[in-house]
Amino acid sequence: MTTAAEQAAKRRIARRDSGVFASPTCQWPDTCWLSATDAAHVLPKCRYPELRAEDKNLISLCRNHHSISENRESRIALLMHLARLHGYDYSVAPYSDYVETDTR
């Protein structure tokens, strides 16, 4: 079940990832500008339920990229991409378990 906090976070992410467009575009690093259909959790909400409404753990993705983002390499690439775009700090756990270098 989606909580009210998670719904609000997904709306914020849609606005963040819309840029100059009317609706969010896929934020897969440097390769896709299709319309985003999903607000995806970078680190899985089943493993990290405390991050389910955290902006720096959410990214707008098209259905195709969401389906292939469920591996460690993709998670690292998405976290690094979000750090570059939005200045997010991933130096604390559990993010630091994925991103071992300073991403600021």
C-alpha atoms as a PDB file:
ATOM      1  CA  MET A   1       0.000   0.000   0.000  1.00  0.00           C
ATOM      2  CA  THR A   2       1.282   3.433  -0.926  1.00  0.00           C
ATOM      3  CA  THR A   3       1.361   5.898   1.953  1.00  0.00           C
ATOM      4  CA  ALA A   4       0.350   9.554   1.717  1.00  0.00           C
ATOM      5  CA  ALA A   5       4.010  10.522   2.241  1.00  0.00           C
ATOM      6  CA  GLU A   6       5.079   8.300  -0.656  1.00  0.00           C
ATOM      7  CA  GLN A   7       2.361   9.746  -2.928  1.00  0.00           C
ATOM      8  CA  ALA A   8       3.518  13.275  -2.069  1.00  0.00           C
ATOM      9  CA  ALA A   9       7.142  12.287  -2.759  1.00  0.00           C
ATOM     10  CA  LYS A  10       6.191  10.840  -6.150  1.00  0.00           C
ATOM     11  CA  ARG A  11       4.465  14.126  -7.063  1.00  0.00           C
ATOM     12  CA  ARG A  12       7.597  16.076  -6.048  1.00  0.00           C
ATOM     13  CA  ILE A  13       9.768  13.770  -8.151  1.00  0.00           C
ATOM     14  CA  ALA A  14       7.479  14.166 -11.163  1.00  0.00           C
ATOM     15  CA  ARG A  15       7.864  17.961 -10.870  1.00  0.00           C
ATOM     16  CA  ARG A  16      11.636  17.674 -10.315  1.00  0.00           C
ATOM     17  CA  ASP A  17      12.094  15.414 -13.336  1.00  0.00           C
ATOM     18  CA  SER A  18       9.812  17.351 -15.687  1.00  0.00           C
ATOM     19  CA  GLY A  19      12.311  20.133 -16.351  1.00  0.00           C
ATOM     20  CA  VAL A  20      10.939  22.225 -19.215  1.00  0.00           C
ATOM     21  CA  PHE A  21       8.422  19.559 -20.213  1.00  0.00           C
ATOM     22  CA  ALA A  22       4.807  19.256 -19.068  1.00  0.00           C
ATOM     23  CA  SER A  23       5.342  15.744 -17.707  1.00  0.00           C
ATOM     24  CA  PRO A  24       8.360  13.886 -16.350  1.00  0.00           C
ATOM     25  CA  THR A  25      10.811  12.318 -18.754  1.00  0.00           C
ATOM     26  CA  CYS A  26      12.848   9.183 -18.193  1.00  0.00           C
ATOM     27  CA  GLN A  27      15.958  10.085 -16.226  1.00  0.00           C
ATOM     28  CA  TRP A  28      18.022   7.047 -17.268  1.00  0.00           C
ATOM     29  CA  PRO A  29      21.545   8.490 -17.530  1.00  0.00           C
ATOM     30  CA  ASP A  30      22.107  10.202 -20.892  1.00  0.00           C
ATOM     31  CA  THR A  31      20.212   7.773 -23.093  1.00  0.00           C
ATOM     32  CA  CYS A  32      16.442   8.144 -22.849  1.00  0.00           C
ATOM     33  CA  TRP A  33      14.009  11.028 -23.004  1.00  0.00           C
ATOM     34  CA  LEU A  34      10.788   9.062 -23.290  1.00  0.00           C
ATOM     35  CA  SER A  35       7.861   9.959 -21.098  1.00  0.00           C
ATOM     36  CA  ALA A  36       8.357   8.557 -17.609  1.00  0.00           C
ATOM     37  CA  THR A  37       5.639   6.203 -16.461  1.00  0.00           C
ATOM     38  CA  ASP A  38       7.100   5.255 -13.079  1.00  0.00           C
ATOM     39  CA  ALA A  39       8.568   6.933 -10.032  1.00  0.00           C
ATOM     40  CA  ALA A  40      11.079   4.191  -9.309  1.00  0.00           C
ATOM     41  CA  HIS A  41      12.841   3.491  -6.023  1.00  0.00           C
ATOM     42  CA  VAL A  42      16.584   3.300  -6.662  1.00  0.00           C
ATOM     43  CA  LEU A  43      17.172   1.246  -3.528  1.00  0.00           C
ATOM     44  CA  PRO A  44      14.300  -1.238  -3.186  1.00  0.00           C
ATOM     45  CA  LYS A  45      11.502  -0.243  -0.831  1.00  0.00           C
ATOM     46  CA  CYS A  46      11.063  -3.848   0.310  1.00  0.00           C
ATOM     47  CA  ARG A  47      14.630  -3.827   1.675  1.00  0.00           C
ATOM     48  CA  TYR A  48      14.695  -0.156   2.750  1.00  0.00           C
ATOM     49  CA  PRO A  49      11.123   0.811   3.671  1.00  0.00           C
ATOM     50  CA  GLU A  50      12.388   3.904   5.507  1.00  0.00           C
ATOM     51  CA  LEU A  51      13.521   5.333   2.126  1.00  0.00           C
ATOM     52  CA  ARG A  52      10.220   4.861   0.299  1.00  0.00           C
ATOM     53  CA  ALA A  53       9.337   8.594   0.429  1.00  0.00           C
ATOM     54  CA  GLU A  54      12.869  10.026   0.306  1.00  0.00           C
ATOM     55  CA  ASP A  55      13.412  12.219  -2.757  1.00  0.00           C
ATOM     56  CA  LYS A  56      17.000  11.131  -3.290  1.00  0.00           C
ATOM     57  CA  ASN A  57      15.848   7.503  -3.564  1.00  0.00           C
ATOM     58  CA  LEU A  58      13.251   8.200  -6.271  1.00  0.00           C
ATOM     59  CA  ILE A  59      13.749   8.729  -9.985  1.00  0.00           C
ATOM     60  CA  SER A  60      11.384   9.020 -12.943  1.00  0.00           C
ATOM     61  CA  LEU A  61      11.871   6.173 -15.418  1.00  0.00           C
ATOM     62  CA  CYS A  62      10.090   4.828 -18.481  1.00  0.00           C
ATOM     63  CA  ARG A  63       8.670   1.328 -18.090  1.00  0.00           C
ATOM     64  CA  ASN A  64      11.565  -0.264 -20.004  1.00  0.00           C
ATOM     65  CA  HIS A  65      14.310   1.323 -17.887  1.00  0.00           C
ATOM     66  CA  HIS A  66      12.417   0.636 -14.675  1.00  0.00           C
ATOM     67  CA  SER A  67      12.328  -3.057 -15.581  1.00  0.00           C
ATOM     68  CA  ILE A  68      16.104  -3.210 -16.096  1.00  0.00           C
ATOM     69  CA  SER A  69      17.109  -1.105 -13.082  1.00  0.00           C
ATOM     70  CA  GLU A  70      16.901  -3.900 -10.534  1.00  0.00           C
ATOM     71  CA  ASN A  71      20.597  -4.775 -10.338  1.00  0.00           C
ATOM     72  CA  ARG A  72      23.510  -3.346  -8.378  1.00  0.00           C
ATOM     73  CA  GLU A  73      25.264  -1.759 -11.375  1.00  0.00           C
ATOM     74  CA  SER A  74      22.100   0.072 -12.433  1.00  0.00           C
ATOM     75  CA  ARG A  75      21.438   1.251  -8.881  1.00  0.00           C
ATOM     76  CA  ILE A  76      24.972   2.665  -8.632  1.00  0.00           C
ATOM     77  CA  ALA A  77      24.636   4.413 -12.014  1.00  0.00           C
ATOM     78  CA  LEU A  78      21.286   5.945 -11.008  1.00  0.00           C
ATOM     79  CA  LEU A  79      22.610   7.155  -7.636  1.00  0.00           C
ATOM     80  CA  MET A  80      25.651   8.740  -9.302  1.00  0.00           C
ATOM     81  CA  HIS A  81      23.394  10.369 -11.897  1.00  0.00           C
ATOM     82  CA  LEU A  82      21.099  11.822  -9.209  1.00  0.00           C
ATOM     83  CA  ALA A  83      24.125  13.075  -7.249  1.00  0.00           C
ATOM     84  CA  ARG A  84      25.429  14.903 -10.337  1.00  0.00           C
ATOM     85  CA  LEU A  85      22.043  16.381 -11.267  1.00  0.00           C
ATOM     86  CA  HIS A  86      20.757  17.365  -7.836  1.00  0.00           C
ATOM     87  CA  GLY A  87      23.788  17.402  -5.533  1.00  0.00           C
ATOM     88  CA  TYR A  88      22.480  14.637  -3.308  1.00  0.00           C
ATOM     89  CA  ASP A  89      24.897  13.305  -0.697  1.00  0.00           C
ATOM     90  CA  TYR A  90      25.051   9.515  -0.626  1.00  0.00           C
ATOM     91  CA  SER A  91      27.866   9.200   1.915  1.00  0.00           C
ATOM     92  CA  VAL A  92      25.602   7.715   4.625  1.00  0.00           C
ATOM     93  CA  ALA A  93      24.224   4.200   4.912  1.00  0.00           C
ATOM     94  CA  PRO A  94      22.493   2.516   3.252  1.00  0.00           C
ATOM     95  CA  TYR A  95      23.472   4.562   0.188  1.00  0.00           C
ATOM     96  CA  SER A  96      27.159   4.350   1.049  1.00  0.00           C
ATOM     97  CA  ASP A  97      26.891   0.565   0.724  1.00  0.00           C
ATOM     98  CA  TYR A  98      26.278   1.167  -2.996  1.00  0.00           C
ATOM     99  CA  VAL A  99      28.273   4.328  -3.658  1.00  0.00           C
ATOM    100  CA  GLU A 100      31.724   3.976  -2.181  1.00  0.00           C
ATOM    101  CA  THR A 101      33.154   7.269  -3.405  1.00  0.00           C
ATOM    102  CA  ASP A 102      32.284  10.828  -2.486  1.00  0.00           C
ATOM    103  CA  THR A 103      29.380  11.879  -4.739  1.00  0.00           C
ATOM    104  CA  ARG A 104      29.123  15.527  -3.716  1.00  0.00           C
END
